PDB file of N, CA and C in Angstrom:
ATOM      1  N   MET A   1      -1.100  23.564  -2.575  1.00  0.00           N
ATOM      2  CA  MET A   1      -1.313  22.184  -2.189  1.00  0.00           C
ATOM      3  C   MET A   1      -0.799  21.284  -3.306  1.00  0.00           C
ATOM      4  N   SER A   2       0.059  20.334  -2.962  1.00  0.00           N
ATOM      5  CA  SER A   2       0.611  19.439  -3.977  1.00  0.00           C
ATOM      6  C   SER A   2      -0.320  18.266  -4.218  1.00  0.00           C
ATOM      7  N   GLN A   3      -0.318  17.784  -5.443  1.00  0.00           N
ATOM      8  CA  GLN A   3      -1.146  16.630  -5.766  1.00  0.00           C
ATOM      9  C   GLN A   3      -0.382  15.372  -5.445  1.00  0.00           C
ATOM     10  N   GLU A   4      -1.064  14.422  -4.815  1.00  0.00           N
ATOM     11  CA  GLU A   4      -0.439  13.158  -4.448  1.00  0.00           C
ATOM     12  C   GLU A   4      -0.477  12.213  -5.634  1.00  0.00           C
ATOM     13  N   LYS A   5       0.651  11.557  -5.903  1.00  0.00           N
ATOM     14  CA  LYS A   5       0.690  10.561  -6.973  1.00  0.00           C
ATOM     15  C   LYS A   5       0.078   9.264  -6.458  1.00  0.00           C
ATOM     16  N   ILE A   6      -0.811   8.700  -7.208  1.00  0.00           N
ATOM     17  CA  ILE A   6      -1.390   7.418  -6.847  1.00  0.00           C
ATOM     18  C   ILE A   6      -0.629   6.340  -7.608  1.00  0.00           C
ATOM     19  N   PRO A   7       0.001   5.406  -6.878  1.00  0.00           N
ATOM     20  CA  PRO A   7       0.753   4.371  -7.578  1.00  0.00           C
ATOM     21  C   PRO A   7      -0.164   3.504  -8.419  1.00  0.00           C
ATOM     22  N   ALA A   8       0.385   2.952  -9.493  1.00  0.00           N
ATOM     23  CA  ALA A   8      -0.405   2.117 -10.399  1.00  0.00           C
ATOM     24  C   ALA A   8      -0.563   0.722  -9.792  1.00  0.00           C
ATOM     25  N   LEU A   9      -1.241   0.650  -8.665  1.00  0.00           N
ATOM     26  CA  LEU A   9      -1.477  -0.616  -7.977  1.00  0.00           C
ATOM     27  C   LEU A   9      -2.893  -1.090  -8.229  1.00  0.00           C
ATOM     28  N   LYS A  10      -3.036  -2.402  -8.268  1.00  0.00           N
ATOM     29  CA  LYS A  10      -4.362  -3.003  -8.370  1.00  0.00           C
ATOM     30  C   LYS A  10      -4.482  -4.026  -7.253  1.00  0.00           C
ATOM     31  N   ASP A  11      -5.684  -4.396  -6.938  1.00  0.00           N
ATOM     32  CA  ASP A  11      -5.924  -5.435  -5.959  1.00  0.00           C
ATOM     33  C   ASP A  11      -5.248  -6.721  -6.431  1.00  0.00           C
ATOM     34  N   GLY A  12      -4.408  -7.314  -5.601  1.00  0.00           N
ATOM     35  CA  GLY A  12      -3.728  -8.550  -5.943  1.00  0.00           C
ATOM     36  C   GLY A  12      -2.283  -8.379  -6.380  1.00  0.00           C
ATOM     37  N   ASP A  13      -1.812  -7.138  -6.540  1.00  0.00           N
ATOM     38  CA  ASP A  13      -0.419  -6.891  -6.927  1.00  0.00           C
ATOM     39  C   ASP A  13       0.523  -7.142  -5.751  1.00  0.00           C
ATOM     40  N   ARG A  14       1.713  -7.669  -6.047  1.00  0.00           N
ATOM     41  CA  ARG A  14       2.758  -7.796  -5.022  1.00  0.00           C
ATOM     42  C   ARG A  14       3.349  -6.403  -4.820  1.00  0.00           C
ATOM     43  N   CYS A  15       3.599  -6.039  -3.586  1.00  0.00           N
ATOM     44  CA  CYS A  15       4.156  -4.719  -3.319  1.00  0.00           C
ATOM     45  C   CYS A  15       5.082  -4.764  -2.113  1.00  0.00           C
ATOM     46  N   GLU A  16       5.888  -3.715  -2.002  1.00  0.00           N
ATOM     47  CA  GLU A  16       6.832  -3.585  -0.905  1.00  0.00           C
ATOM     48  C   GLU A  16       6.660  -2.212  -0.274  1.00  0.00           C
ATOM     49  N   VAL A  17       6.722  -2.153   1.043  1.00  0.00           N
ATOM     50  CA  VAL A  17       6.588  -0.886   1.766  1.00  0.00           C
ATOM     51  C   VAL A  17       7.978  -0.273   1.887  1.00  0.00           C
ATOM     52  N   ILE A  18       8.126   0.965   1.409  1.00  0.00           N
ATOM     53  CA  ILE A  18       9.438   1.622   1.375  1.00  0.00           C
ATOM     54  C   ILE A  18       9.577   2.740   2.404  1.00  0.00           C
ATOM     55  N   ALA A  19       8.503   3.053   3.127  1.00  0.00           N
ATOM     56  CA  ALA A  19       8.557   4.115   4.130  1.00  0.00           C
ATOM     57  C   ALA A  19       7.492   3.866   5.189  1.00  0.00           C
ATOM     58  N   GLY A  20       7.619   4.562   6.298  1.00  0.00           N
ATOM     59  CA  GLY A  20       6.605   4.474   7.339  1.00  0.00           C
ATOM     60  C   GLY A  20       6.872   3.362   8.347  1.00  0.00           C
ATOM     61  N   THR A  21       5.897   3.096   9.168  1.00  0.00           N
ATOM     62  CA  THR A  21       6.002   2.124  10.250  1.00  0.00           C
ATOM     63  C   THR A  21       6.323   0.721   9.765  1.00  0.00           C
ATOM     64  N   HIS A  22       5.794   0.328   8.641  1.00  0.00           N
ATOM     65  CA  HIS A  22       5.944  -1.042   8.136  1.00  0.00           C
ATOM     66  C   HIS A  22       7.054  -1.175   7.082  1.00  0.00           C
ATOM     67  N   MET A  23       7.985  -0.234   7.055  1.00  0.00           N
ATOM     68  CA  MET A  23       9.053  -0.229   6.068  1.00  0.00           C
ATOM     69  C   MET A  23       9.779  -1.577   6.046  1.00  0.00           C
ATOM     70  N   GLY A  24      10.015  -2.087   4.822  1.00  0.00           N
ATOM     71  CA  GLY A  24      10.721  -3.345   4.652  1.00  0.00           C
ATOM     72  C   GLY A  24       9.813  -4.554   4.514  1.00  0.00           C
ATOM     73  N   LYS A  25       8.551  -4.411   4.864  1.00  0.00           N
ATOM     74  CA  LYS A  25       7.614  -5.520   4.736  1.00  0.00           C
ATOM     75  C   LYS A  25       7.069  -5.570   3.312  1.00  0.00           C
ATOM     76  N   SER A  26       6.599  -6.744   2.914  1.00  0.00           N
ATOM     77  CA  SER A  26       6.029  -6.878   1.580  1.00  0.00           C
ATOM     78  C   SER A  26       4.877  -7.869   1.625  1.00  0.00           C
ATOM     79  N   GLY A  27       4.084  -7.876   0.565  1.00  0.00           N
ATOM     80  CA  GLY A  27       2.951  -8.785   0.491  1.00  0.00           C
ATOM     81  C   GLY A  27       2.057  -8.461  -0.690  1.00  0.00           C
ATOM     82  N   ILE A  28       0.810  -8.904  -0.588  1.00  0.00           N
ATOM     83  CA  ILE A  28      -0.187  -8.712  -1.636  1.00  0.00           C
ATOM     84  C   ILE A  28      -1.104  -7.552  -1.245  1.00  0.00           C
ATOM     85  N   ALA A  29      -1.313  -6.625  -2.176  1.00  0.00           N
ATOM     86  CA  ALA A  29      -2.188  -5.480  -1.929  1.00  0.00           C
ATOM     87  C   ALA A  29      -3.645  -5.914  -1.982  1.00  0.00           C
ATOM     88  N   ARG A  30      -4.399  -5.566  -0.962  1.00  0.00           N
ATOM     89  CA  ARG A  30      -5.826  -5.844  -0.880  1.00  0.00           C
ATOM     90  C   ARG A  30      -6.529  -4.584  -0.389  1.00  0.00           C
ATOM     91  N   ASP A  31      -7.785  -4.467  -0.704  1.00  0.00           N
ATOM     92  CA  ASP A  31      -8.641  -3.405  -0.171  1.00  0.00           C
ATOM     93  C   ASP A  31      -8.041  -2.010  -0.361  1.00  0.00           C
ATOM     94  N   LEU A  32      -7.849  -1.599  -1.617  1.00  0.00           N
ATOM     95  CA  LEU A  32      -7.400  -0.246  -1.913  1.00  0.00           C
ATOM     96  C   LEU A  32      -8.585   0.696  -1.739  1.00  0.00           C
ATOM     97  N   ASN A  33      -8.348   1.799  -1.059  1.00  0.00           N
ATOM     98  CA  ASN A  33      -9.435   2.711  -0.727  1.00  0.00           C
ATOM     99  C   ASN A  33      -8.933   4.153  -0.746  1.00  0.00           C
ATOM    100  N   ILE A  34      -9.741   5.052  -1.249  1.00  0.00           N
ATOM    101  CA  ILE A  34      -9.446   6.484  -1.156  1.00  0.00           C
ATOM    102  C   ILE A  34     -10.222   7.011   0.047  1.00  0.00           C
ATOM    103  N   SER A  35      -9.495   7.558   1.023  1.00  0.00           N
ATOM    104  CA  SER A  35     -10.132   8.047   2.243  1.00  0.00           C
ATOM    105  C   SER A  35     -10.867   9.363   1.988  1.00  0.00           C
ATOM    106  N   LYS A  36     -11.593   9.819   2.985  1.00  0.00           N
ATOM    107  CA  LYS A  36     -12.321  11.093   2.871  1.00  0.00           C
ATOM    108  C   LYS A  36     -11.384  12.255   2.601  1.00  0.00           C
ATOM    109  N   THR A  37     -10.153  12.149   3.103  1.00  0.00           N
ATOM    110  CA  THR A  37      -9.186  13.229   2.910  1.00  0.00           C
ATOM    111  C   THR A  37      -8.459  13.125   1.576  1.00  0.00           C
ATOM    112  N   GLY A  38      -8.734  12.070   0.804  1.00  0.00           N
ATOM    113  CA  GLY A  38      -8.162  11.937  -0.525  1.00  0.00           C
ATOM    114  C   GLY A  38      -6.898  11.104  -0.606  1.00  0.00           C
ATOM    115  N   HIS A  39      -6.502  10.449   0.490  1.00  0.00           N
ATOM    116  CA  HIS A  39      -5.300   9.628   0.496  1.00  0.00           C
ATOM    117  C   HIS A  39      -5.645   8.171   0.204  1.00  0.00           C
ATOM    118  N   LEU A  40      -4.753   7.517  -0.521  1.00  0.00           N
ATOM    119  CA  LEU A  40      -4.924   6.103  -0.835  1.00  0.00           C
ATOM    120  C   LEU A  40      -4.460   5.276   0.359  1.00  0.00           C
ATOM    121  N   THR A  41      -5.320   4.372   0.855  1.00  0.00           N
ATOM    122  CA  THR A  41      -4.935   3.436   1.904  1.00  0.00           C
ATOM    123  C   THR A  41      -5.006   2.027   1.339  1.00  0.00           C
ATOM    124  N   ILE A  42      -4.069   1.189   1.775  1.00  0.00           N
ATOM    125  CA  ILE A  42      -3.964  -0.163   1.252  1.00  0.00           C
ATOM    126  C   ILE A  42      -3.824  -1.128   2.413  1.00  0.00           C
ATOM    127  N   THR A  43      -4.516  -2.252   2.337  1.00  0.00           N
ATOM    128  CA  THR A  43      -4.291  -3.342   3.268  1.00  0.00           C
ATOM    129  C   THR A  43      -3.325  -4.298   2.576  1.00  0.00           C
ATOM    130  N   ILE A  44      -2.238  -4.629   3.257  1.00  0.00           N
ATOM    131  CA  ILE A  44      -1.234  -5.555   2.740  1.00  0.00           C
ATOM    132  C   ILE A  44      -1.375  -6.875   3.500  1.00  0.00           C
ATOM    133  N   VAL A  45      -1.399  -7.986   2.759  1.00  0.00           N
ATOM    134  CA  VAL A  45      -1.465  -9.306   3.371  1.00  0.00           C
ATOM    135  C   VAL A  45      -0.129  -9.994   3.113  1.00  0.00           C
ATOM    136  N   GLN A  46       0.585 -10.322   4.194  1.00  0.00           N
ATOM    137  CA  GLN A  46       1.878 -10.981   4.078  1.00  0.00           C
ATOM    138  C   GLN A  46       1.697 -12.480   3.854  1.00  0.00           C
ATOM    139  N   LYS A  47       2.800 -13.159   3.500  1.00  0.00           N
ATOM    140  CA  LYS A  47       2.775 -14.600   3.246  1.00  0.00           C
ATOM    141  C   LYS A  47       2.212 -15.392   4.419  1.00  0.00           C
ATOM    142  N   ASP A  48       2.557 -14.971   5.639  1.00  0.00           N
ATOM    143  CA  ASP A  48       2.112 -15.697   6.832  1.00  0.00           C
ATOM    144  C   ASP A  48       0.672 -15.364   7.228  1.00  0.00           C
ATOM    145  N   GLY A  49       0.000 -14.535   6.442  1.00  0.00           N
ATOM    146  CA  GLY A  49      -1.397 -14.188   6.704  1.00  0.00           C
ATOM    147  C   GLY A  49      -1.591 -12.914   7.509  1.00  0.00           C
ATOM    148  N   GLU A  50      -0.500 -12.351   8.034  1.00  0.00           N
ATOM    149  CA  GLU A  50      -0.605 -11.108   8.800  1.00  0.00           C
ATOM    150  C   GLU A  50      -1.043  -9.976   7.882  1.00  0.00           C
ATOM    151  N   ARG A  51      -1.940  -9.132   8.378  1.00  0.00           N
ATOM    152  CA  ARG A  51      -2.452  -7.987   7.618  1.00  0.00           C
ATOM    153  C   ARG A  51      -2.065  -6.693   8.315  1.00  0.00           C
ATOM    154  N   PHE A  52      -1.809  -5.663   7.514  1.00  0.00           N
ATOM    155  CA  PHE A  52      -1.599  -4.325   8.064  1.00  0.00           C
ATOM    156  C   PHE A  52      -2.022  -3.303   7.028  1.00  0.00           C
ATOM    157  N   LYS A  53      -2.332  -2.114   7.490  1.00  0.00           N
ATOM    158  CA  LYS A  53      -2.741  -1.028   6.600  1.00  0.00           C
ATOM    159  C   LYS A  53      -1.606  -0.017   6.502  1.00  0.00           C
ATOM    160  N   THR A  54      -1.475   0.565   5.323  1.00  0.00           N
ATOM    161  CA  THR A  54      -0.473   1.595   5.101  1.00  0.00           C
ATOM    162  C   THR A  54      -0.985   2.564   4.037  1.00  0.00           C
ATOM    163  N   LEU A  55      -0.323   3.685   3.918  1.00  0.00           N
ATOM    164  CA  LEU A  55      -0.691   4.672   2.910  1.00  0.00           C
ATOM    165  C   LEU A  55      -0.073   4.309   1.569  1.00  0.00           C
ATOM    166  N   GLY A  56      -0.765   4.647   0.507  1.00  0.00           N
ATOM    167  CA  GLY A  56      -0.300   4.350  -0.841  1.00  0.00           C
ATOM    168  C   GLY A  56       1.029   4.999  -1.176  1.00  0.00           C
ATOM    169  N   ARG A  57       1.314   6.148  -0.603  1.00  0.00           N
ATOM    170  CA  ARG A  57       2.570   6.823  -0.916  1.00  0.00           C
ATOM    171  C   ARG A  57       3.779   6.086  -0.338  1.00  0.00           C
ATOM    172  N   ASN A  58       3.546   5.152   0.590  1.00  0.00           N
ATOM    173  CA  ASN A  58       4.632   4.387   1.213  1.00  0.00           C
ATOM    174  C   ASN A  58       4.909   3.074   0.494  1.00  0.00           C
ATOM    175  N   VAL A  59       4.208   2.797  -0.602  1.00  0.00           N
ATOM    176  CA  VAL A  59       4.260   1.486  -1.241  1.00  0.00           C
ATOM    177  C   VAL A  59       4.698   1.596  -2.700  1.00  0.00           C
ATOM    178  N   VAL A  60       5.508   0.609  -3.137  1.00  0.00           N
ATOM    179  CA  VAL A  60       5.847   0.465  -4.550  1.00  0.00           C
ATOM    180  C   VAL A  60       5.523  -0.954  -4.976  1.00  0.00           C
ATOM    181  N   ARG A  61       5.154  -1.086  -6.231  1.00  0.00           N
ATOM    182  CA  ARG A  61       4.865  -2.408  -6.768  1.00  0.00           C
ATOM    183  C   ARG A  61       6.171  -3.145  -6.956  1.00  0.00           C
ATOM    184  N   SER A  62       6.222  -4.408  -6.551  1.00  0.00           N
ATOM    185  CA  SER A  62       7.433  -5.202  -6.726  1.00  0.00           C
ATOM    186  C   SER A  62       7.214  -6.253  -7.791  1.00  0.00           C
ATOM    187  N   ARG A  63       8.302  -6.823  -8.241  1.00  0.00           N
ATOM    188  CA  ARG A  63       8.228  -7.805  -9.334  1.00  0.00           C
ATOM    189  C   ARG A  63       8.169  -9.187  -8.817  1.00  0.00           C
TER     190      ARG A  63
END
């Protein structure tokens, strides 16, 4: 079993989604959570107020 890397994200960091359903979207990271299965889930809030959830492995911190 491989260990998942947890990105160095904090609540309030700007980030960009690089994989998955929401690929190409970006926003502010909110509500970081480790699920029961051990995966990092993040709620992203876009500029227009739209929210979506994605996995931490699909996200990188942007500048």
